[in-house]
């Protein structure tokens, strides 16, 4: 009589992640151009676990939740006309105008070709940051 081979399979113990490891993986998942799925895969954990850590750690540090602001899109004839002072651009047409109502009678209007860093400084100055 021949006995069939018996294979002993041991269950792997749960991995314990330190807070520092979790923070490192969460920070890596927030890097620009990085896929959260790739970070999770390289660490050997499920992507849902990494998203849970992200949520818990962000709540712990009190990360601000972005506020929603109302947006109104209105057609304007200025979008297809040559902008004043731009005659040297050979009649280049504007790609659009962005108008932001900051409240308390403050309104900012910029063309689509505005320098983003400079515009951010203007908005920060207007908001007193």
C-alpha atoms as a PDB file:
ATOM      1  CA  UNK A   1       0.000   0.000   0.000  1.00  0.00           C
ATOM      2  CA  UNK A   2       1.419   3.388  -1.051  1.00  0.00           C
ATOM      3  CA  UNK A   3       0.752   6.522   0.928  1.00  0.00           C
ATOM      4  CA  UNK A   4       0.047   9.770  -0.868  1.00  0.00           C
ATOM      5  CA  UNK A   5       2.518  12.553  -0.154  1.00  0.00           C
ATOM      6  CA  UNK A   6       1.379  15.075   2.375  1.00  0.00           C
ATOM      7  CA  UNK A   7       2.301  18.705   1.917  1.00  0.00           C
ATOM      8  CA  UNK A   8       2.412  20.901   4.965  1.00  0.00           C
ATOM      9  CA  UNK A   9       1.457  24.471   4.218  1.00  0.00           C
ATOM     10  CA  UNK A  10       2.018  27.048   6.906  1.00  0.00           C
ATOM     11  CA  UNK A  11       0.009  30.192   6.919  1.00  0.00           C
ATOM     12  CA  UNK A  12       2.220  33.219   6.744  1.00  0.00           C
ATOM     13  CA  UNK A  13       1.951  35.502   9.735  1.00  0.00           C
ATOM     14  CA  UNK A  14       0.442  38.894   9.210  1.00  0.00           C
ATOM     15  CA  UNK A  15       2.961  41.549   8.460  1.00  0.00           C
ATOM     16  CA  UNK A  16       3.110  44.330  11.001  1.00  0.00           C
ATOM     17  CA  UNK A  17       3.812  47.727   9.491  1.00  0.00           C
ATOM     18  CA  UNK A  18       5.373  50.377  11.672  1.00  0.00           C
ATOM     19  CA  UNK A  19       3.971  53.884  11.601  1.00  0.00           C
ATOM     20  CA  UNK A  20       7.172  55.075   9.897  1.00  0.00           C
ATOM     21  CA  UNK A  21       6.758  52.462   7.128  1.00  0.00           C
ATOM     22  CA  UNK A  22       3.135  53.445   6.606  1.00  0.00           C
ATOM     23  CA  UNK A  23       4.034  57.130   6.457  1.00  0.00           C
ATOM     24  CA  UNK A  24       6.835  56.423   3.963  1.00  0.00           C
ATOM     25  CA  UNK A  25       4.512  54.449   1.671  1.00  0.00           C
ATOM     26  CA  UNK A  26       1.734  57.045   1.943  1.00  0.00           C
ATOM     27  CA  UNK A  27       4.190  59.838   1.136  1.00  0.00           C
ATOM     28  CA  UNK A  28       5.467  57.856  -1.857  1.00  0.00           C
ATOM     29  CA  UNK A  29       1.897  57.420  -3.100  1.00  0.00           C
ATOM     30  CA  UNK A  30       1.388  61.206  -3.108  1.00  0.00           C
ATOM     31  CA  UNK A  31       4.466  61.912  -5.258  1.00  0.00           C
ATOM     32  CA  UNK A  32       3.603  63.542  -8.610  1.00  0.00           C
ATOM     33  CA  UNK A  33       3.397  61.066 -11.459  1.00  0.00           C
ATOM     34  CA  UNK A  34       3.429  58.027  -9.152  1.00  0.00           C
ATOM     35  CA  UNK A  35       0.719  55.379  -9.310  1.00  0.00           C
ATOM     36  CA  UNK A  36      -0.688  54.356  -5.931  1.00  0.00           C
ATOM     37  CA  UNK A  37      -1.182  50.851  -7.323  1.00  0.00           C
ATOM     38  CA  UNK A  38       2.511  50.621  -8.216  1.00  0.00           C
ATOM     39  CA  UNK A  39       3.568  51.742  -4.732  1.00  0.00           C
ATOM     40  CA  UNK A  40       1.278  49.140  -3.146  1.00  0.00           C
ATOM     41  CA  UNK A  41       2.431  46.380  -5.503  1.00  0.00           C
ATOM     42  CA  UNK A  42       6.124  47.067  -4.806  1.00  0.00           C
ATOM     43  CA  UNK A  43       5.460  46.965  -1.053  1.00  0.00           C
ATOM     44  CA  UNK A  44       3.525  43.714  -1.341  1.00  0.00           C
ATOM     45  CA  UNK A  45       0.187  44.968  -0.114  1.00  0.00           C
ATOM     46  CA  UNK A  46      -3.233  45.483  -1.595  1.00  0.00           C
ATOM     47  CA  UNK A  47      -3.961  48.929  -3.006  1.00  0.00           C
ATOM     48  CA  UNK A  48      -7.084  49.269  -0.839  1.00  0.00           C
ATOM     49  CA  UNK A  49      -4.888  48.958   2.262  1.00  0.00           C
ATOM     50  CA  UNK A  50      -2.678  51.805   1.053  1.00  0.00           C
ATOM     51  CA  UNK A  51      -5.723  53.982   0.358  1.00  0.00           C
ATOM     52  CA  UNK A  52      -6.973  53.248   3.874  1.00  0.00           C
ATOM     53  CA  UNK A  53      -3.629  54.291   5.356  1.00  0.00           C
ATOM     54  CA  UNK A  54      -3.721  57.465   3.271  1.00  0.00           C
ATOM     55  CA  UNK A  55      -7.155  58.318   4.618  1.00  0.00           C
ATOM     56  CA  UNK A  56      -6.249  57.568   8.243  1.00  0.00           C
ATOM     57  CA  UNK A  57      -2.936  59.422   8.150  1.00  0.00           C
ATOM     58  CA  UNK A  58      -4.477  62.461   6.461  1.00  0.00           C
ATOM     59  CA  UNK A  59      -7.189  62.566   9.121  1.00  0.00           C
ATOM     60  CA  UNK A  60      -4.532  62.285  11.825  1.00  0.00           C
ATOM     61  CA  UNK A  61      -2.536  65.278  10.602  1.00  0.00           C
ATOM     62  CA  UNK A  62      -5.687  67.278   9.901  1.00  0.00           C
ATOM     63  CA  UNK A  63      -5.044  67.765   6.204  1.00  0.00           C
ATOM     64  CA  UNK A  64      -7.440  70.430   4.979  1.00  0.00           C
ATOM     65  CA  UNK A  65     -10.244  69.317   2.727  1.00  0.00           C
ATOM     66  CA  UNK A  66     -10.397  71.458  -0.386  1.00  0.00           C
ATOM     67  CA  UNK A  67     -13.469  73.663  -0.403  1.00  0.00           C
ATOM     68  CA  UNK A  68     -15.736  73.689  -3.401  1.00  0.00           C
ATOM     69  CA  UNK A  69     -16.488  77.048  -4.930  1.00  0.00           C
ATOM     70  CA  UNK A  70     -19.231  77.892  -7.410  1.00  0.00           C
ATOM     71  CA  UNK A  71     -18.135  78.236 -11.029  1.00  0.00           C
ATOM     72  CA  UNK A  72     -20.090  80.082 -13.680  1.00  0.00           C
ATOM     73  CA  UNK A  73     -19.090  79.777 -17.326  1.00  0.00           C
ATOM     74  CA  UNK A  74     -20.306  82.613 -19.486  1.00  0.00           C
ATOM     75  CA  UNK A  75     -19.602  83.210 -23.161  1.00  0.00           C
ATOM     76  CA  UNK A  76     -17.540  86.283 -23.868  1.00  0.00           C
ATOM     77  CA  UNK A  77     -16.619  88.035 -27.050  1.00  0.00           C
ATOM     78  CA  UNK A  78     -13.162  88.786 -25.603  1.00  0.00           C
ATOM     79  CA  UNK A  79     -12.120  85.172 -26.076  1.00  0.00           C
ATOM     80  CA  UNK A  80     -11.894  85.566 -29.841  1.00  0.00           C
ATOM     81  CA  UNK A  81     -10.511  89.088 -30.113  1.00  0.00           C
ATOM     82  CA  UNK A  82      -6.961  90.321 -30.134  1.00  0.00           C
ATOM     83  CA  UNK A  83      -5.992  91.333 -26.624  1.00  0.00           C
ATOM     84  CA  UNK A  84      -5.017  94.984 -26.151  1.00  0.00           C
ATOM     85  CA  UNK A  85      -1.262  95.482 -26.021  1.00  0.00           C
ATOM     86  CA  UNK A  86      -0.617  92.289 -27.943  1.00  0.00           C
ATOM     87  CA  UNK A  87      -0.168  93.755 -31.411  1.00  0.00           C
ATOM     88  CA  UNK A  88       3.406  92.452 -31.439  1.00  0.00           C
ATOM     89  CA  UNK A  89       2.050  88.857 -31.342  1.00  0.00           C
ATOM     90  CA  UNK A  90       0.835  89.133 -34.958  1.00  0.00           C
ATOM     91  CA  UNK A  91      -2.855  89.121 -34.112  1.00  0.00           C
ATOM     92  CA  UNK A  92      -2.661  86.119 -31.802  1.00  0.00           C
ATOM     93  CA  UNK A  93      -6.062  85.307 -30.381  1.00  0.00           C
ATOM     94  CA  UNK A  94      -6.687  84.687 -26.727  1.00  0.00           C
ATOM     95  CA  UNK A  95      -7.376  81.098 -25.721  1.00  0.00           C
ATOM     96  CA  UNK A  96      -9.921  82.285 -23.166  1.00  0.00           C
ATOM     97  CA  UNK A  97     -10.373  84.418 -20.135  1.00  0.00           C
ATOM     98  CA  UNK A  98     -10.571  83.222 -16.558  1.00  0.00           C
ATOM     99  CA  UNK A  99     -12.467  85.435 -14.141  1.00  0.00           C
ATOM    100  CA  UNK A 100     -12.396  84.665 -10.438  1.00  0.00           C
ATOM    101  CA  UNK A 101     -14.751  86.434  -8.048  1.00  0.00           C
ATOM    102  CA  UNK A 102     -12.951  86.525  -4.683  1.00  0.00           C
ATOM    103  CA  UNK A 103     -15.882  88.081  -2.863  1.00  0.00           C
ATOM    104  CA  UNK A 104     -16.113  91.456  -1.123  1.00  0.00           C
ATOM    105  CA  UNK A 105     -16.072  93.143  -4.528  1.00  0.00           C
ATOM    106  CA  UNK A 106     -12.728  91.655  -5.564  1.00  0.00           C
ATOM    107  CA  UNK A 107     -12.518  90.056  -8.989  1.00  0.00           C
ATOM    108  CA  UNK A 108      -9.457  88.821 -10.893  1.00  0.00           C
ATOM    109  CA  UNK A 109      -9.472  88.354 -14.664  1.00  0.00           C
ATOM    110  CA  UNK A 110      -6.605  86.669 -16.514  1.00  0.00           C
ATOM    111  CA  UNK A 111      -5.978  85.227 -19.940  1.00  0.00           C
ATOM    112  CA  UNK A 112      -5.228  81.561 -20.480  1.00  0.00           C
ATOM    113  CA  UNK A 113      -1.552  82.336 -21.061  1.00  0.00           C
ATOM    114  CA  UNK A 114      -1.005  83.686 -17.522  1.00  0.00           C
ATOM    115  CA  UNK A 115       2.105  82.494 -15.683  1.00  0.00           C
ATOM    116  CA  UNK A 116       0.753  80.081 -13.050  1.00  0.00           C
ATOM    117  CA  UNK A 117       3.401  80.848 -10.406  1.00  0.00           C
ATOM    118  CA  UNK A 118       2.904  84.600 -10.722  1.00  0.00           C
ATOM    119  CA  UNK A 119      -0.876  84.189 -10.604  1.00  0.00           C
ATOM    120  CA  UNK A 120      -0.595  82.058  -7.445  1.00  0.00           C
ATOM    121  CA  UNK A 121       1.430  84.859  -5.789  1.00  0.00           C
ATOM    122  CA  UNK A 122      -1.245  87.412  -6.752  1.00  0.00           C
ATOM    123  CA  UNK A 123      -4.027  85.239  -5.315  1.00  0.00           C
ATOM    124  CA  UNK A 124      -2.039  84.598  -2.124  1.00  0.00           C
ATOM    125  CA  UNK A 125      -1.475  88.348  -1.718  1.00  0.00           C
ATOM    126  CA  UNK A 126      -5.170  89.073  -2.234  1.00  0.00           C
ATOM    127  CA  UNK A 127      -6.128  86.460   0.341  1.00  0.00           C
ATOM    128  CA  UNK A 128      -3.551  87.789   2.819  1.00  0.00           C
ATOM    129  CA  UNK A 129      -1.486  84.584   2.975  1.00  0.00           C
END
